[in-house]
Amino acid sequence: MANSLTRRIFLLADRLEPDRAAVWQWFHCTPIRVFDGQTALELMTAGEGWRVEAWLETVLLSEEDAAFPGPILFRFDGNQSSWLSL
């Protein structure tokens, strides 16, 4: 079950960021502010990957709503090889 959840998380994140290497980096290394700075991997390990999936779905839905542009999930800092959660 965890493998299918991980796959769903990656598929959702791919819709926000087409660079798969960047999504991989985000999943493993980027603290997510709304989850008290835990990474998606940490949440998956704790059995709470469903929270990441639900959050990504919410971000995608808000971006699709023209009346309410959604938040940026992450952005690349060109001076560093890391993704920053916003």
Protein backbone atom coordinates (compact mmCIF):
# COMPACT_ATOMS: atom_id res chain seq x y z
CA MET A 1 0.00 0.00 0.00
CA ALA A 2 2.83 2.42 0.80
CA ASN A 3 4.25 1.93 -2.70
CA SER A 4 0.96 2.91 -4.34
CA LEU A 5 0.64 5.92 -2.05
CA THR A 6 4.21 6.99 -2.85
CA ARG A 7 3.43 6.65 -6.55
CA ARG A 8 0.28 8.79 -6.19
CA ILE A 9 2.27 11.46 -4.32
CA PHE A 10 4.89 11.52 -7.08
CA LEU A 11 2.21 11.71 -9.79
CA LEU A 12 0.55 14.66 -8.04
CA ALA A 13 3.88 16.44 -7.50
CA ASP A 14 4.76 15.84 -11.17
CA ARG A 15 1.73 17.92 -12.10
CA LEU A 16 3.25 20.85 -10.19
CA GLU A 17 6.86 20.30 -11.23
CA PRO A 18 7.69 18.40 -14.43
CA ASP A 19 11.37 17.91 -13.50
CA ARG A 20 11.39 14.46 -11.91
CA ALA A 21 14.79 14.98 -10.32
CA ALA A 22 13.42 18.09 -8.62
CA VAL A 23 10.36 16.19 -7.38
CA TRP A 24 12.63 13.43 -6.04
CA GLN A 25 14.70 16.06 -4.22
CA TRP A 26 11.56 17.70 -2.83
CA PHE A 27 10.13 14.38 -1.60
CA HIS A 28 13.30 13.41 0.24
CA CYS A 29 14.79 16.69 1.42
CA THR A 30 12.40 19.63 1.49
CA PRO A 31 10.77 20.54 4.79
CA ILE A 32 7.06 21.23 4.27
CA ARG A 33 5.98 24.17 6.38
CA VAL A 34 2.36 23.06 6.82
CA PHE A 35 3.64 19.79 8.31
CA ASP A 36 5.91 21.44 10.88
CA GLY A 37 8.95 21.15 8.64
CA GLN A 38 8.72 17.41 8.03
CA THR A 39 9.56 16.11 4.57
CA ALA A 40 7.17 14.03 2.51
CA LEU A 41 9.45 11.05 3.12
CA GLU A 42 9.32 11.56 6.89
CA LEU A 43 5.54 11.67 6.77
CA MET A 44 5.45 8.52 4.65
CA THR A 45 7.75 6.75 7.11
CA ALA A 46 5.47 7.79 9.99
CA GLY A 47 2.46 6.31 8.19
CA GLU A 48 1.03 9.73 7.37
CA GLY A 49 1.68 9.90 3.65
CA TRP A 50 -2.06 10.31 3.11
CA ARG A 51 -1.65 13.83 4.54
CA VAL A 52 0.87 14.71 1.82
CA GLU A 53 -1.44 13.28 -0.84
CA ALA A 54 -4.41 15.29 0.45
CA TRP A 55 -2.32 18.45 0.67
CA LEU A 56 -1.04 18.08 -2.91
CA GLU A 57 -4.61 17.49 -4.12
CA THR A 58 -5.69 20.68 -2.35
CA VAL A 59 -2.82 22.65 -3.89
CA LEU A 60 -3.71 21.37 -7.35
CA LEU A 61 -7.40 22.15 -6.91
CA SER A 62 -6.63 25.67 -5.75
CA GLU A 63 -4.37 26.22 -8.76
CA GLU A 64 -7.13 25.09 -11.10
CA ASP A 65 -9.59 27.58 -9.61
CA ALA A 66 -9.20 30.78 -11.62
CA ALA A 67 -10.85 32.86 -8.89
CA PHE A 68 -8.32 31.70 -6.30
CA PRO A 69 -4.79 31.18 -7.52
CA GLY A 70 -3.22 28.58 -5.27
CA PRO A 71 -0.01 28.72 -3.31
CA ILE A 72 3.30 27.83 -4.83
CA LEU A 73 4.36 24.43 -3.61
CA PHE A 74 8.06 25.01 -4.00
CA ARG A 75 10.50 27.00 -6.05
CA PHE A 76 14.03 26.42 -7.18
CA ASP A 77 16.74 28.61 -5.75
CA GLY A 78 19.18 28.84 -8.66
CA ASN A 79 22.11 29.55 -6.36
CA GLN A 80 21.63 26.30 -4.46
CA SER A 81 20.76 22.84 -5.64
CA SER A 82 17.80 22.56 -3.35
CA TRP A 83 14.08 23.17 -3.38
CA LEU A 84 12.55 25.57 -0.94
CA SER A 85 9.01 25.07 0.32
CA LEU A 86 6.95 28.23 0.42
